[in-house]
Amino acid sequence: QKRHAVSALKGIGFRVLAGGDSYNDVSMLKEADAGFFFCPPDSIVQEFPQFPVARSYAEFQEHIGRAGGFPS
């Protein structure tokens, strides 16, 4: 469902940045223009190394800023 929501938003012209912390978020992160993990378990980080990892809110904001979401 999360992936479908991202797809729908992109379909009407939105640029989508997404954050998640678990396996159920991976399809959403793949669909988003930029996806990030926030405090995920190490196993998911190893399995999906293509997604940046934030271990704090400050790091999460930095990832969003680098992706063009807002100035960090």
PDB file of N, CA and C in Angstrom:
ATOM      1  N   GLN A   1       0.812  -1.197   0.000  1.00  0.00           N
ATOM      2  CA  GLN A   1       0.000   0.000   0.000  1.00  0.00           C
ATOM      3  C   GLN A   1       0.855   1.261   0.000  1.00  0.00           C
ATOM      4  N   LYS A   2       1.958   1.239   0.738  1.00  0.00           N
ATOM      5  CA  LYS A   2       2.819   2.421   0.786  1.00  0.00           C
ATOM      6  C   LYS A   2       3.404   2.700  -0.593  1.00  0.00           C
ATOM      7  N   ARG A   3       3.815   1.635  -1.287  1.00  0.00           N
ATOM      8  CA  ARG A   3       4.369   1.800  -2.633  1.00  0.00           C
ATOM      9  C   ARG A   3       3.326   2.401  -3.565  1.00  0.00           C
ATOM     10  N   HIS A   4       2.096   1.965  -3.436  1.00  0.00           N
ATOM     11  CA  HIS A   4       1.027   2.491  -4.287  1.00  0.00           C
ATOM     12  C   HIS A   4       0.774   3.966  -3.999  1.00  0.00           C
ATOM     13  N   ALA A   5       0.848   4.351  -2.749  1.00  0.00           N
ATOM     14  CA  ALA A   5       0.672   5.765  -2.396  1.00  0.00           C
ATOM     15  C   ALA A   5       1.781   6.609  -3.010  1.00  0.00           C
ATOM     16  N   VAL A   6       3.019   6.124  -2.927  1.00  0.00           N
ATOM     17  CA  VAL A   6       4.142   6.850  -3.526  1.00  0.00           C
ATOM     18  C   VAL A   6       3.956   6.944  -5.035  1.00  0.00           C
ATOM     19  N   SER A   7       3.577   5.844  -5.651  1.00  0.00           N
ATOM     20  CA  SER A   7       3.355   5.829  -7.097  1.00  0.00           C
ATOM     21  C   SER A   7       2.268   6.820  -7.506  1.00  0.00           C
ATOM     22  N   ALA A   8       1.192   6.868  -6.737  1.00  0.00           N
ATOM     23  CA  ALA A   8       0.101   7.801  -7.040  1.00  0.00           C
ATOM     24  C   ALA A   8       0.562   9.247  -6.917  1.00  0.00           C
ATOM     25  N   LEU A   9       1.326   9.550  -5.885  1.00  0.00           N
ATOM     26  CA  LEU A   9       1.836  10.916  -5.717  1.00  0.00           C
ATOM     27  C   LEU A   9       2.769  11.296  -6.859  1.00  0.00           C
ATOM     28  N   LYS A  10       3.637  10.374  -7.256  1.00  0.00           N
ATOM     29  CA  LYS A  10       4.525  10.648  -8.384  1.00  0.00           C
ATOM     30  C   LYS A  10       3.719  10.833  -9.671  1.00  0.00           C
ATOM     31  N   GLY A  11       2.637  10.077  -9.787  1.00  0.00           N
ATOM     32  CA  GLY A  11       1.798  10.155 -10.973  1.00  0.00           C
ATOM     33  C   GLY A  11       1.126  11.497 -11.171  1.00  0.00           C
ATOM     34  N   ILE A  12       0.957  12.247 -10.093  1.00  0.00           N
ATOM     35  CA  ILE A  12       0.353  13.581 -10.226  1.00  0.00           C
ATOM     36  C   ILE A  12       1.397  14.688 -10.079  1.00  0.00           C
ATOM     37  N   GLY A  13       2.668  14.290 -10.236  1.00  0.00           N
ATOM     38  CA  GLY A  13       3.714  15.290 -10.334  1.00  0.00           C
ATOM     39  C   GLY A  13       4.510  15.611  -9.088  1.00  0.00           C
ATOM     40  N   PHE A  14       4.259  14.905  -7.998  1.00  0.00           N
ATOM     41  CA  PHE A  14       5.030  15.161  -6.786  1.00  0.00           C
ATOM     42  C   PHE A  14       6.375  14.439  -6.849  1.00  0.00           C
ATOM     43  N   ARG A  15       7.375  15.046  -6.273  1.00  0.00           N
ATOM     44  CA  ARG A  15       8.659  14.388  -6.040  1.00  0.00           C
ATOM     45  C   ARG A  15       8.567  13.812  -4.631  1.00  0.00           C
ATOM     46  N   VAL A  16       8.857  12.517  -4.490  1.00  0.00           N
ATOM     47  CA  VAL A  16       8.615  11.839  -3.224  1.00  0.00           C
ATOM     48  C   VAL A  16       9.921  11.383  -2.576  1.00  0.00           C
ATOM     49  N   LEU A  17      10.114  11.804  -1.329  1.00  0.00           N
ATOM     50  CA  LEU A  17      11.190  11.312  -0.478  1.00  0.00           C
ATOM     51  C   LEU A  17      10.527  10.455   0.589  1.00  0.00           C
ATOM     52  N   ALA A  18      11.103   9.289   0.865  1.00  0.00           N
ATOM     53  CA  ALA A  18      10.459   8.376   1.811  1.00  0.00           C
ATOM     54  C   ALA A  18      11.466   7.848   2.820  1.00  0.00           C
ATOM     55  N   GLY A  19      10.983   7.646   4.029  1.00  0.00           N
ATOM     56  CA  GLY A  19      11.800   7.063   5.082  1.00  0.00           C
ATOM     57  C   GLY A  19      11.098   5.869   5.677  1.00  0.00           C
ATOM     58  N   GLY A  20      11.870   4.847   5.991  1.00  0.00           N
ATOM     59  CA  GLY A  20      11.297   3.660   6.596  1.00  0.00           C
ATOM     60  C   GLY A  20      12.309   2.970   7.482  1.00  0.00           C
ATOM     61  N   ASP A  21      11.832   1.966   8.212  1.00  0.00           N
ATOM     62  CA  ASP A  21      12.721   1.299   9.160  1.00  0.00           C
ATOM     63  C   ASP A  21      12.678  -0.222   9.090  1.00  0.00           C
ATOM     64  N   SER A  22      11.932  -0.786   8.137  1.00  0.00           N
ATOM     65  CA  SER A  22      11.759  -2.231   8.156  1.00  0.00           C
ATOM     66  C   SER A  22      11.504  -2.779   6.756  1.00  0.00           C
ATOM     67  N   TYR A  23      11.410  -4.110   6.683  1.00  0.00           N
ATOM     68  CA  TYR A  23      11.197  -4.774   5.404  1.00  0.00           C
ATOM     69  C   TYR A  23       9.916  -4.321   4.721  1.00  0.00           C
ATOM     70  N   ASN A  24       8.891  -4.014   5.490  1.00  0.00           N
ATOM     71  CA  ASN A  24       7.620  -3.615   4.880  1.00  0.00           C
ATOM     72  C   ASN A  24       7.716  -2.254   4.198  1.00  0.00           C
ATOM     73  N   ASP A  25       8.818  -1.544   4.371  1.00  0.00           N
ATOM     74  CA  ASP A  25       9.002  -0.237   3.748  1.00  0.00           C
ATOM     75  C   ASP A  25       9.848  -0.283   2.476  1.00  0.00           C
ATOM     76  N   VAL A  26      10.477  -1.413   2.189  1.00  0.00           N
ATOM     77  CA  VAL A  26      11.437  -1.487   1.087  1.00  0.00           C
ATOM     78  C   VAL A  26      10.803  -1.155  -0.260  1.00  0.00           C
ATOM     79  N   SER A  27       9.632  -1.684  -0.560  1.00  0.00           N
ATOM     80  CA  SER A  27       9.017  -1.393  -1.863  1.00  0.00           C
ATOM     81  C   SER A  27       8.687   0.091  -1.988  1.00  0.00           C
ATOM     82  N   MET A  28       8.291   0.729  -0.897  1.00  0.00           N
ATOM     83  CA  MET A  28       8.029   2.173  -0.903  1.00  0.00           C
ATOM     84  C   MET A  28       9.324   2.938  -1.168  1.00  0.00           C
ATOM     85  N   LEU A  29      10.403   2.549  -0.502  1.00  0.00           N
ATOM     86  CA  LEU A  29      11.678   3.235  -0.679  1.00  0.00           C
ATOM     87  C   LEU A  29      12.181   3.089  -2.110  1.00  0.00           C
ATOM     88  N   LYS A  30      11.975   1.917  -2.703  1.00  0.00           N
ATOM     89  CA  LYS A  30      12.384   1.698  -4.092  1.00  0.00           C
ATOM     90  C   LYS A  30      11.579   2.565  -5.051  1.00  0.00           C
ATOM     91  N   GLU A  31      10.313   2.748  -4.779  1.00  0.00           N
ATOM     92  CA  GLU A  31       9.429   3.530  -5.648  1.00  0.00           C
ATOM     93  C   GLU A  31       9.675   5.028  -5.521  1.00  0.00           C
ATOM     94  N   ALA A  32      10.098   5.476  -4.364  1.00  0.00           N
ATOM     95  CA  ALA A  32      10.303   6.911  -4.111  1.00  0.00           C
ATOM     96  C   ALA A  32      11.458   7.453  -4.949  1.00  0.00           C
ATOM     97  N   ASP A  33      11.451   8.757  -5.146  1.00  0.00           N
ATOM     98  CA  ASP A  33      12.566   9.405  -5.834  1.00  0.00           C
ATOM     99  C   ASP A  33      13.843   9.294  -5.009  1.00  0.00           C
ATOM    100  N   ALA A  34      13.700   9.314  -3.706  1.00  0.00           N
ATOM    101  CA  ALA A  34      14.821   9.098  -2.789  1.00  0.00           C
ATOM    102  C   ALA A  34      14.276   8.396  -1.558  1.00  0.00           C
ATOM    103  N   GLY A  35      14.947   7.329  -1.157  1.00  0.00           N
ATOM    104  CA  GLY A  35      14.513   6.573   0.011  1.00  0.00           C
ATOM    105  C   GLY A  35      15.632   6.422   1.011  1.00  0.00           C
ATOM    106  N   PHE A  36      15.281   6.410   2.280  1.00  0.00           N
ATOM    107  CA  PHE A  36      16.249   6.339   3.370  1.00  0.00           C
ATOM    108  C   PHE A  36      15.729   5.408   4.457  1.00  0.00           C
ATOM    109  N   PHE A  37      16.658   4.759   5.136  1.00  0.00           N
ATOM    110  CA  PHE A  37      16.297   4.009   6.331  1.00  0.00           C
ATOM    111  C   PHE A  37      16.513   4.892   7.549  1.00  0.00           C
ATOM    112  N   PHE A  38      15.608   4.766   8.515  1.00  0.00           N
ATOM    113  CA  PHE A  38      15.744   5.485   9.780  1.00  0.00           C
ATOM    114  C   PHE A  38      15.768   4.468  10.912  1.00  0.00           C
ATOM    115  N   CYS A  39      16.908   4.348  11.554  1.00  0.00           N
ATOM    116  CA  CYS A  39      17.108   3.423  12.685  1.00  0.00           C
ATOM    117  C   CYS A  39      16.652   1.992  12.379  1.00  0.00           C
ATOM    118  N   PRO A  40      17.102   1.443  11.249  1.00  0.00           N
ATOM    119  CA  PRO A  40      16.692   0.078  10.911  1.00  0.00           C
ATOM    120  C   PRO A  40      17.569  -0.955  11.612  1.00  0.00           C
ATOM    121  N   PRO A  41      17.121  -2.212  11.650  1.00  0.00           N
ATOM    122  CA  PRO A  41      17.988  -3.275  12.152  1.00  0.00           C
ATOM    123  C   PRO A  41      19.170  -3.476  11.194  1.00  0.00           C
ATOM    124  N   ASP A  42      20.282  -3.930  11.719  1.00  0.00           N
ATOM    125  CA  ASP A  42      21.482  -4.123  10.895  1.00  0.00           C
ATOM    126  C   ASP A  42      21.248  -5.092   9.740  1.00  0.00           C
ATOM    127  N   SER A  43      20.404  -6.082   9.937  1.00  0.00           N
ATOM    128  CA  SER A  43      20.160  -7.071   8.883  1.00  0.00           C
ATOM    129  C   SER A  43      19.573  -6.435   7.630  1.00  0.00           C
ATOM    130  N   ILE A  44      18.677  -5.489   7.787  1.00  0.00           N
ATOM    131  CA  ILE A  44      18.072  -4.838   6.624  1.00  0.00           C
ATOM    132  C   ILE A  44      19.069  -3.895   5.943  1.00  0.00           C
ATOM    133  N   VAL A  45      19.943  -3.283   6.719  1.00  0.00           N
ATOM    134  CA  VAL A  45      20.982  -2.415   6.150  1.00  0.00           C
ATOM    135  C   VAL A  45      21.904  -3.239   5.261  1.00  0.00           C
ATOM    136  N   GLN A  46      22.280  -4.420   5.721  1.00  0.00           N
ATOM    137  CA  GLN A  46      23.163  -5.291   4.946  1.00  0.00           C
ATOM    138  C   GLN A  46      22.477  -5.815   3.693  1.00  0.00           C
ATOM    139  N   GLU A  47      21.200  -6.079   3.780  1.00  0.00           N
ATOM    140  CA  GLU A  47      20.469  -6.632   2.641  1.00  0.00           C
ATOM    141  C   GLU A  47      20.139  -5.585   1.580  1.00  0.00           C
ATOM    142  N   PHE A  48      19.985  -4.329   1.989  1.00  0.00           N
ATOM    143  CA  PHE A  48      19.614  -3.258   1.062  1.00  0.00           C
ATOM    144  C   PHE A  48      20.587  -2.084   1.193  1.00  0.00           C
ATOM    145  N   PRO A  49      21.846  -2.288   0.791  1.00  0.00           N
ATOM    146  CA  PRO A  49      22.861  -1.243   0.975  1.00  0.00           C
ATOM    147  C   PRO A  49      22.658  -0.018   0.086  1.00  0.00           C
ATOM    148  N   GLN A  50      21.742  -0.086  -0.862  1.00  0.00           N
ATOM    149  CA  GLN A  50      21.511   1.053  -1.751  1.00  0.00           C
ATOM    150  C   GLN A  50      20.815   2.221  -1.055  1.00  0.00           C
ATOM    151  N   PHE A  51      20.247   1.982   0.124  1.00  0.00           N
ATOM    152  CA  PHE A  51      19.539   3.048   0.825  1.00  0.00           C
ATOM    153  C   PHE A  51      20.411   3.646   1.922  1.00  0.00           C
ATOM    154  N   PRO A  52      20.549   4.970   1.940  1.00  0.00           N
ATOM    155  CA  PRO A  52      21.283   5.615   3.027  1.00  0.00           C
ATOM    156  C   PRO A  52      20.598   5.338   4.368  1.00  0.00           C
ATOM    157  N   VAL A  53      21.397   5.328   5.423  1.00  0.00           N
ATOM    158  CA  VAL A  53      20.892   5.033   6.764  1.00  0.00           C
ATOM    159  C   VAL A  53      21.095   6.235   7.668  1.00  0.00           C
ATOM    160  N   ALA A  54      20.049   6.587   8.390  1.00  0.00           N
ATOM    161  CA  ALA A  54      20.127   7.640   9.407  1.00  0.00           C
ATOM    162  C   ALA A  54      19.902   6.989  10.763  1.00  0.00           C
ATOM    163  N   ARG A  55      20.754   7.329  11.709  1.00  0.00           N
ATOM    164  CA  ARG A  55      20.623   6.789  13.066  1.00  0.00           C
ATOM    165  C   ARG A  55      20.130   7.841  14.053  1.00  0.00           C
ATOM    166  N   SER A  56      19.847   9.044  13.530  1.00  0.00           N
ATOM    167  CA  SER A  56      19.313  10.122  14.374  1.00  0.00           C
ATOM    168  C   SER A  56      18.451  11.017  13.490  1.00  0.00           C
ATOM    169  N   TYR A  57      17.637  11.853  14.135  1.00  0.00           N
ATOM    170  CA  TYR A  57      16.822  12.793  13.360  1.00  0.00           C
ATOM    171  C   TYR A  57      17.696  13.772  12.598  1.00  0.00           C
ATOM    172  N   ALA A  58      18.812  14.173  13.189  1.00  0.00           N
ATOM    173  CA  ALA A  58      19.721  15.097  12.505  1.00  0.00           C
ATOM    174  C   ALA A  58      20.273  14.464  11.229  1.00  0.00           C
ATOM    175  N   GLU A  59      20.676  13.204  11.300  1.00  0.00           N
ATOM    176  CA  GLU A  59      21.155  12.505  10.102  1.00  0.00           C
ATOM    177  C   GLU A  59      20.046  12.362   9.067  1.00  0.00           C
ATOM    178  N   PHE A  60      18.836  12.083   9.521  1.00  0.00           N
ATOM    179  CA  PHE A  60      17.706  11.953   8.598  1.00  0.00           C
ATOM    180  C   PHE A  60      17.473  13.271   7.862  1.00  0.00           C
ATOM    181  N   GLN A  61      17.531  14.370   8.578  1.00  0.00           N
ATOM    182  CA  GLN A  61      17.378  15.686   7.956  1.00  0.00           C
ATOM    183  C   GLN A  61      18.487  15.947   6.946  1.00  0.00           C
ATOM    184  N   GLU A  62      19.700  15.516   7.255  1.00  0.00           N
ATOM    185  CA  GLU A  62      20.809  15.689   6.315  1.00  0.00           C
ATOM    186  C   GLU A  62      20.549  14.928   5.021  1.00  0.00           C
ATOM    187  N   HIS A  63      20.067  13.695   5.127  1.00  0.00           N
ATOM    188  CA  HIS A  63      19.757  12.905   3.931  1.00  0.00           C
ATOM    189  C   HIS A  63      18.671  13.596   3.104  1.00  0.00           C
ATOM    190  N   ILE A  64      17.656  14.095   3.762  1.00  0.00           N
ATOM    191  CA  ILE A  64      16.577  14.791   3.056  1.00  0.00           C
ATOM    192  C   ILE A  64      17.124  16.038   2.372  1.00  0.00           C
ATOM    193  N   GLY A  65      17.961  16.783   3.068  1.00  0.00           N
ATOM    194  CA  GLY A  65      18.564  17.974   2.479  1.00  0.00           C
ATOM    195  C   GLY A  65      19.406  17.647   1.262  1.00  0.00           C
ATOM    196  N   ARG A  66      20.207  16.590   1.344  1.00  0.00           N
ATOM    197  CA  ARG A  66      21.044  16.192   0.203  1.00  0.00           C
ATOM    198  C   ARG A  66      20.195  15.753  -0.982  1.00  0.00           C
ATOM    199  N   ALA A  67      19.028  15.201  -0.701  1.00  0.00           N
ATOM    200  CA  ALA A  67      18.133  14.763  -1.773  1.00  0.00           C
ATOM    201  C   ALA A  67      17.327  15.926  -2.346  1.00  0.00           C
ATOM    202  N   GLY A  68      17.508  17.108  -1.778  1.00  0.00           N
ATOM    203  CA  GLY A  68      16.807  18.281  -2.287  1.00  0.00           C
ATOM    204  C   GLY A  68      15.486  18.553  -1.620  1.00  0.00           C
ATOM    205  N   GLY A  69      15.203  17.874  -0.501  1.00  0.00           N
ATOM    206  CA  GLY A  69      13.924  18.056   0.179  1.00  0.00           C
ATOM    207  C   GLY A  69      13.798  19.382   0.892  1.00  0.00           C
ATOM    208  N   PHE A  70      14.843  19.778   1.590  1.00  0.00           N
ATOM    209  CA  PHE A  70      14.897  21.086   2.234  1.00  0.00           C
ATOM    210  C   PHE A  70      16.334  21.334   2.669  1.00  0.00           C
ATOM    211  N   PRO A  71      16.705  22.570   2.880  1.00  0.00           N
ATOM    212  CA  PRO A  71      18.089  22.849   3.285  1.00  0.00           C
ATOM    213  C   PRO A  71      18.398  22.202   4.628  1.00  0.00           C
ATOM    214  N   SER A  72      19.591  21.618   4.740  1.00  0.00           N
ATOM    215  CA  SER A  72      19.966  20.979   6.005  1.00  0.00           C
ATOM    216  C   SER A  72      20.638  21.969   6.932  1.00  0.00           C
TER     217      SER A  72
END
